[in-house]
């Protein structure tokens, strides 16, 4: 990736606040969502209509759901993986940790790919 460091994005486990329906997508379903943190848990809420031409839902999103193609629907209250868009392992986008906890990743935070910051 042209020498870019810190391009990997963290994945968190979040509780859905909406029913998420996979409408015949034969691939990994990436619904746009807004992730918030309350009481030490992450919560994912859809950002509106998920049509491919709807840009407002992407503009409001800070994460993408990672729902396997074989899953038709995820019910409200279930846990899912969410790829965070506005966190990075580098300083240029902000922090991937809770502001009050320093450099320790939040519980349930994983990284897609190597965790080495030099990647």
N, C-alpha and C. Protein backbone atom coordinates (compact mmCIF):
# COMPACT_ATOMS: atom_id res chain seq x y z
N UNK A 1 0.84 -1.20 0.00
CA UNK A 1 0.00 0.00 0.00
C UNK A 1 0.87 1.25 0.00
N UNK A 2 1.85 1.29 -0.83
CA UNK A 2 2.70 2.46 -1.03
C UNK A 2 3.38 2.93 0.25
N UNK A 3 3.73 2.02 1.13
CA UNK A 3 4.46 2.37 2.34
C UNK A 3 3.64 2.98 3.45
N UNK A 4 2.33 3.05 3.30
CA UNK A 4 1.47 3.64 4.33
C UNK A 4 1.52 2.78 5.59
N UNK A 5 1.74 3.41 6.71
CA UNK A 5 1.73 2.71 7.99
C UNK A 5 0.40 2.93 8.69
N UNK A 6 0.00 1.98 9.49
CA UNK A 6 -1.22 2.13 10.28
C UNK A 6 -2.49 2.11 9.46
N UNK A 7 -2.51 1.38 8.34
CA UNK A 7 -3.70 1.37 7.49
C UNK A 7 -4.73 0.33 7.91
N UNK A 8 -4.35 -0.58 8.77
CA UNK A 8 -5.29 -1.60 9.23
C UNK A 8 -6.32 -0.97 10.16
N UNK A 9 -7.53 -1.47 10.13
CA UNK A 9 -8.60 -0.93 10.96
C UNK A 9 -9.01 -1.96 12.00
N UNK A 10 -9.32 -1.52 13.22
CA UNK A 10 -9.76 -2.45 14.26
C UNK A 10 -11.19 -2.93 14.03
N UNK A 11 -11.47 -4.10 14.58
CA UNK A 11 -12.80 -4.69 14.55
C UNK A 11 -13.26 -4.84 15.99
N UNK A 12 -14.50 -4.43 16.27
CA UNK A 12 -15.05 -4.56 17.62
C UNK A 12 -16.30 -5.44 17.57
N UNK A 13 -16.63 -6.04 18.70
CA UNK A 13 -17.90 -6.76 18.86
C UNK A 13 -18.90 -5.75 19.38
N UNK A 14 -20.03 -5.64 18.69
CA UNK A 14 -21.04 -4.65 19.07
C UNK A 14 -22.41 -5.31 19.13
N UNK A 15 -23.25 -4.77 19.98
CA UNK A 15 -24.64 -5.22 20.11
C UNK A 15 -25.48 -4.39 19.14
N UNK A 16 -26.29 -5.06 18.33
CA UNK A 16 -27.11 -4.34 17.36
C UNK A 16 -28.31 -3.69 18.05
N UNK A 17 -28.63 -2.49 17.62
CA UNK A 17 -29.82 -1.81 18.13
C UNK A 17 -30.94 -1.83 17.10
N UNK A 18 -30.67 -2.44 15.95
CA UNK A 18 -31.65 -2.56 14.87
C UNK A 18 -31.58 -3.98 14.31
N UNK A 19 -32.65 -4.38 13.66
CA UNK A 19 -32.62 -5.63 12.89
C UNK A 19 -31.89 -5.32 11.59
N UNK A 20 -30.91 -6.13 11.23
CA UNK A 20 -30.14 -5.93 10.01
C UNK A 20 -30.45 -7.08 9.07
N UNK A 21 -30.96 -6.75 7.88
CA UNK A 21 -31.36 -7.76 6.91
C UNK A 21 -30.42 -7.74 5.72
N UNK A 22 -29.90 -8.91 5.38
CA UNK A 22 -29.06 -9.06 4.20
C UNK A 22 -29.98 -9.35 3.03
N UNK A 23 -30.07 -8.40 2.10
CA UNK A 23 -30.99 -8.53 0.98
C UNK A 23 -30.25 -9.18 -0.20
N UNK A 24 -30.21 -10.50 -0.20
CA UNK A 24 -29.65 -11.28 -1.32
C UNK A 24 -28.23 -10.90 -1.72
N UNK A 25 -27.42 -10.44 -0.79
CA UNK A 25 -26.02 -10.15 -1.12
C UNK A 25 -25.23 -11.45 -0.99
N UNK A 26 -24.61 -11.93 -2.07
CA UNK A 26 -23.90 -13.21 -2.02
C UNK A 26 -22.53 -13.12 -1.37
N UNK A 27 -22.17 -11.95 -0.87
CA UNK A 27 -20.85 -11.76 -0.26
C UNK A 27 -21.02 -11.35 1.19
N UNK A 28 -19.91 -11.03 1.82
CA UNK A 28 -19.91 -10.47 3.17
C UNK A 28 -20.76 -9.20 3.14
N UNK A 29 -21.74 -9.08 4.04
CA UNK A 29 -22.64 -7.93 4.04
C UNK A 29 -22.06 -6.83 4.91
N UNK A 30 -21.87 -5.67 4.32
CA UNK A 30 -21.25 -4.53 5.00
C UNK A 30 -22.27 -3.40 5.16
N UNK A 31 -23.17 -3.53 6.11
CA UNK A 31 -24.14 -2.47 6.36
C UNK A 31 -23.43 -1.31 7.06
N UNK A 32 -23.81 -0.10 6.70
CA UNK A 32 -23.21 1.09 7.32
C UNK A 32 -23.88 1.34 8.66
N UNK A 33 -23.05 1.60 9.67
CA UNK A 33 -23.60 1.78 11.01
C UNK A 33 -22.83 2.83 11.80
N UNK A 34 -23.45 3.26 12.86
CA UNK A 34 -22.83 4.18 13.81
C UNK A 34 -22.61 3.41 15.10
N UNK A 35 -21.36 3.39 15.56
CA UNK A 35 -21.01 2.65 16.77
C UNK A 35 -20.80 3.63 17.92
N UNK A 36 -21.44 3.34 19.04
CA UNK A 36 -21.26 4.14 20.25
C UNK A 36 -20.83 3.20 21.37
N UNK A 37 -20.29 3.78 22.43
CA UNK A 37 -19.85 2.98 23.57
C UNK A 37 -20.58 3.45 24.81
N UNK A 38 -21.26 2.52 25.49
CA UNK A 38 -21.98 2.82 26.73
C UNK A 38 -21.73 1.68 27.71
N UNK A 39 -21.46 2.02 28.93
CA UNK A 39 -21.30 1.02 30.00
C UNK A 39 -20.29 -0.06 29.63
N UNK A 40 -19.22 0.33 28.94
CA UNK A 40 -18.17 -0.61 28.59
C UNK A 40 -18.49 -1.54 27.44
N UNK A 41 -19.59 -1.31 26.74
CA UNK A 41 -20.00 -2.14 25.60
C UNK A 41 -20.15 -1.27 24.37
N UNK A 42 -19.99 -1.86 23.20
CA UNK A 42 -20.23 -1.17 21.94
C UNK A 42 -21.63 -1.49 21.44
N UNK A 43 -22.27 -0.49 20.82
CA UNK A 43 -23.59 -0.65 20.24
C UNK A 43 -23.56 -0.14 18.81
N UNK A 44 -24.13 -0.92 17.88
CA UNK A 44 -24.15 -0.56 16.46
C UNK A 44 -25.58 -0.27 16.03
N UNK A 45 -25.78 0.93 15.45
CA UNK A 45 -27.08 1.35 14.94
C UNK A 45 -26.95 1.65 13.46
N UNK A 46 -27.89 1.17 12.67
CA UNK A 46 -27.87 1.49 11.24
C UNK A 46 -28.00 2.99 11.05
N UNK A 47 -27.40 3.49 9.99
CA UNK A 47 -27.40 4.93 9.73
C UNK A 47 -28.46 5.34 8.72
N UNK A 48 -29.41 4.48 8.47
CA UNK A 48 -30.47 4.80 7.52
C UNK A 48 -30.53 3.77 6.41
N UNK A 49 -31.14 4.16 5.30
CA UNK A 49 -31.29 3.27 4.16
C UNK A 49 -29.92 2.78 3.70
N UNK A 50 -29.83 1.50 3.35
CA UNK A 50 -28.55 0.88 3.00
C UNK A 50 -28.38 0.69 1.50
N UNK A 51 -29.19 1.35 0.68
CA UNK A 51 -29.05 1.23 -0.77
C UNK A 51 -27.70 1.72 -1.25
N UNK A 52 -27.22 1.13 -2.34
CA UNK A 52 -25.87 1.45 -2.83
C UNK A 52 -25.72 2.91 -3.26
N UNK A 53 -26.80 3.58 -3.59
CA UNK A 53 -26.72 4.97 -4.01
C UNK A 53 -26.99 5.97 -2.90
N UNK A 54 -27.19 5.50 -1.69
CA UNK A 54 -27.52 6.38 -0.56
C UNK A 54 -26.23 6.81 0.12
N UNK A 55 -25.79 8.02 -0.14
CA UNK A 55 -24.53 8.50 0.42
C UNK A 55 -24.68 9.02 1.84
N UNK A 56 -25.87 9.45 2.23
CA UNK A 56 -26.02 9.99 3.58
C UNK A 56 -25.75 8.92 4.64
N UNK A 57 -26.14 7.67 4.37
CA UNK A 57 -25.88 6.62 5.36
C UNK A 57 -24.38 6.35 5.49
N UNK A 58 -23.63 6.51 4.42
CA UNK A 58 -22.17 6.33 4.50
C UNK A 58 -21.54 7.52 5.22
N UNK A 59 -22.04 8.71 4.96
CA UNK A 59 -21.48 9.91 5.60
C UNK A 59 -21.69 9.89 7.11
N UNK A 60 -22.78 9.29 7.57
CA UNK A 60 -23.08 9.21 9.00
C UNK A 60 -22.37 8.05 9.70
N UNK A 61 -21.84 7.10 8.93
CA UNK A 61 -21.29 5.86 9.49
C UNK A 61 -19.88 6.05 10.03
N UNK A 62 -19.59 5.34 11.12
CA UNK A 62 -18.22 5.23 11.60
C UNK A 62 -17.78 3.77 11.63
N UNK A 63 -18.64 2.88 11.08
CA UNK A 63 -18.29 1.46 11.02
C UNK A 63 -19.08 0.74 9.95
N UNK A 64 -18.59 -0.47 9.61
CA UNK A 64 -19.26 -1.36 8.66
C UNK A 64 -19.48 -2.70 9.34
N UNK A 65 -20.72 -3.21 9.29
CA UNK A 65 -20.99 -4.52 9.86
C UNK A 65 -20.28 -5.58 9.04
N UNK A 66 -19.86 -6.64 9.68
CA UNK A 66 -19.22 -7.77 8.99
C UNK A 66 -20.13 -8.99 9.17
N UNK A 67 -21.14 -9.07 8.32
CA UNK A 67 -22.13 -10.15 8.44
C UNK A 67 -21.90 -11.14 7.30
N UNK A 68 -21.64 -12.41 7.63
CA UNK A 68 -21.39 -13.41 6.58
C UNK A 68 -22.56 -13.53 5.61
N UNK A 69 -22.27 -13.88 4.36
CA UNK A 69 -23.28 -13.97 3.31
C UNK A 69 -24.39 -14.96 3.64
N UNK A 70 -24.05 -16.03 4.36
CA UNK A 70 -25.06 -17.06 4.65
C UNK A 70 -26.04 -16.64 5.75
N UNK A 71 -25.81 -15.50 6.40
CA UNK A 71 -26.72 -15.00 7.45
C UNK A 71 -27.74 -14.07 6.80
N UNK A 72 -29.02 -14.44 6.88
CA UNK A 72 -30.08 -13.64 6.26
C UNK A 72 -30.43 -12.40 7.07
N UNK A 73 -30.36 -12.51 8.40
CA UNK A 73 -30.73 -11.38 9.24
C UNK A 73 -30.06 -11.51 10.60
N UNK A 74 -29.80 -10.36 11.20
CA UNK A 74 -29.30 -10.27 12.57
C UNK A 74 -30.36 -9.51 13.35
N UNK A 75 -30.80 -10.09 14.44
CA UNK A 75 -31.87 -9.48 15.23
C UNK A 75 -31.31 -8.44 16.20
N UNK A 76 -32.15 -7.48 16.56
CA UNK A 76 -31.78 -6.48 17.56
C UNK A 76 -31.32 -7.19 18.83
N UNK A 77 -30.20 -6.73 19.39
CA UNK A 77 -29.67 -7.31 20.62
C UNK A 77 -28.60 -8.36 20.40
N UNK A 78 -28.45 -8.85 19.17
CA UNK A 78 -27.40 -9.83 18.88
C UNK A 78 -26.05 -9.12 18.75
N UNK A 79 -24.97 -9.88 18.94
CA UNK A 79 -23.62 -9.34 18.77
C UNK A 79 -23.11 -9.61 17.37
N UNK A 80 -22.42 -8.61 16.81
CA UNK A 80 -21.83 -8.73 15.48
C UNK A 80 -20.44 -8.11 15.51
N UNK A 81 -19.64 -8.42 14.49
CA UNK A 81 -18.36 -7.76 14.30
C UNK A 81 -18.56 -6.50 13.47
N UNK A 82 -17.87 -5.43 13.85
CA UNK A 82 -17.95 -4.17 13.12
C UNK A 82 -16.54 -3.68 12.82
N UNK A 83 -16.27 -3.40 11.56
CA UNK A 83 -15.01 -2.82 11.13
C UNK A 83 -15.10 -1.31 11.33
N UNK A 84 -14.25 -0.76 12.17
CA UNK A 84 -14.31 0.67 12.48
C UNK A 84 -13.61 1.48 11.39
N UNK A 85 -14.30 2.49 10.88
CA UNK A 85 -13.77 3.31 9.80
C UNK A 85 -12.95 4.49 10.30
N UNK A 86 -13.31 5.05 11.44
CA UNK A 86 -12.64 6.28 11.88
C UNK A 86 -11.62 6.05 12.98
N UNK A 87 -11.21 4.81 13.19
CA UNK A 87 -10.11 4.52 14.11
C UNK A 87 -8.96 3.99 13.29
N UNK A 88 -7.76 4.21 13.75
CA UNK A 88 -6.60 3.60 13.10
C UNK A 88 -5.58 3.25 14.15
N UNK A 89 -4.53 2.57 13.74
CA UNK A 89 -3.45 2.26 14.66
C UNK A 89 -2.43 3.39 14.70
N UNK A 90 -2.60 4.37 13.84
CA UNK A 90 -1.71 5.52 13.81
C UNK A 90 -2.38 6.74 14.40
N UNK A 91 -1.64 7.83 14.49
CA UNK A 91 -2.17 9.04 15.11
C UNK A 91 -2.89 9.96 14.14
N UNK A 92 -2.75 9.72 12.83
CA UNK A 92 -3.29 10.67 11.87
C UNK A 92 -4.82 10.70 11.84
N UNK A 93 -5.50 9.64 12.25
CA UNK A 93 -6.95 9.60 12.24
C UNK A 93 -7.55 9.69 13.62
N UNK A 94 -6.75 9.66 14.63
CA UNK A 94 -7.28 9.65 15.98
C UNK A 94 -6.76 8.44 16.73
N UNK A 95 -7.54 7.98 17.67
CA UNK A 95 -7.07 6.92 18.55
C UNK A 95 -7.95 5.68 18.43
N UNK A 96 -7.34 4.53 18.56
CA UNK A 96 -8.09 3.28 18.57
C UNK A 96 -8.32 2.80 19.99
N UNK A 97 -8.04 3.65 20.96
CA UNK A 97 -8.23 3.31 22.36
C UNK A 97 -9.22 4.28 22.98
N UNK A 98 -9.75 3.92 24.12
CA UNK A 98 -10.60 4.81 24.88
C UNK A 98 -9.73 5.95 25.39
N UNK A 99 -10.16 7.19 25.23
CA UNK A 99 -9.36 8.36 25.61
C UNK A 99 -8.90 8.30 27.06
N UNK A 100 -9.71 7.72 27.92
CA UNK A 100 -9.37 7.71 29.34
C UNK A 100 -8.44 6.57 29.74
N UNK A 101 -8.17 5.64 28.82
CA UNK A 101 -7.41 4.45 29.19
C UNK A 101 -6.03 4.37 28.54
N UNK A 102 -5.57 5.42 27.90
CA UNK A 102 -4.23 5.40 27.33
C UNK A 102 -4.09 4.50 26.13
N UNK A 103 -3.00 3.73 26.06
CA UNK A 103 -2.69 2.94 24.88
C UNK A 103 -3.25 1.52 24.90
N UNK A 104 -4.05 1.18 25.86
CA UNK A 104 -4.59 -0.17 25.93
C UNK A 104 -5.84 -0.27 25.06
N UNK A 105 -5.88 -1.20 24.09
CA UNK A 105 -7.07 -1.34 23.26
C UNK A 105 -8.29 -1.66 24.12
N UNK A 106 -9.44 -1.19 23.69
CA UNK A 106 -10.67 -1.47 24.41
C UNK A 106 -10.96 -2.96 24.39
N UNK A 107 -11.61 -3.49 25.41
CA UNK A 107 -11.96 -4.91 25.42
C UNK A 107 -12.77 -5.26 24.18
N UNK A 108 -12.46 -6.38 23.57
CA UNK A 108 -13.18 -6.81 22.38
C UNK A 108 -12.64 -6.23 21.10
N UNK A 109 -11.58 -5.42 21.16
CA UNK A 109 -11.01 -4.82 19.97
C UNK A 109 -9.96 -5.76 19.38
N UNK A 110 -10.09 -6.06 18.11
CA UNK A 110 -9.09 -6.85 17.40
C UNK A 110 -8.70 -6.10 16.15
N UNK A 111 -7.67 -6.55 15.49
CA UNK A 111 -7.20 -5.89 14.28
C UNK A 111 -7.20 -6.90 13.15
N UNK A 112 -7.73 -6.51 11.99
CA UNK A 112 -7.67 -7.38 10.83
C UNK A 112 -6.27 -7.30 10.27
N UNK A 113 -5.58 -8.42 10.22
CA UNK A 113 -4.21 -8.46 9.73
C UNK A 113 -3.23 -8.39 10.88
N UNK A 114 -1.94 -8.23 10.57
CA UNK A 114 -0.93 -8.19 11.62
C UNK A 114 -1.15 -7.03 12.57
N UNK A 115 -0.91 -7.26 13.84
CA UNK A 115 -1.08 -6.21 14.84
C UNK A 115 0.15 -5.33 14.96
N UNK A 116 1.18 -5.63 14.22
CA UNK A 116 2.42 -4.87 14.26
C UNK A 116 2.19 -3.49 13.66
N UNK A 117 2.46 -2.43 14.41
CA UNK A 117 2.23 -1.07 13.94
C UNK A 117 3.14 -0.68 12.78
N UNK A 118 4.18 -1.44 12.52
CA UNK A 118 5.10 -1.08 11.44
C UNK A 118 4.62 -1.57 10.09
N UNK A 119 3.50 -2.30 10.05
CA UNK A 119 3.00 -2.86 8.80
C UNK A 119 2.53 -1.74 7.90
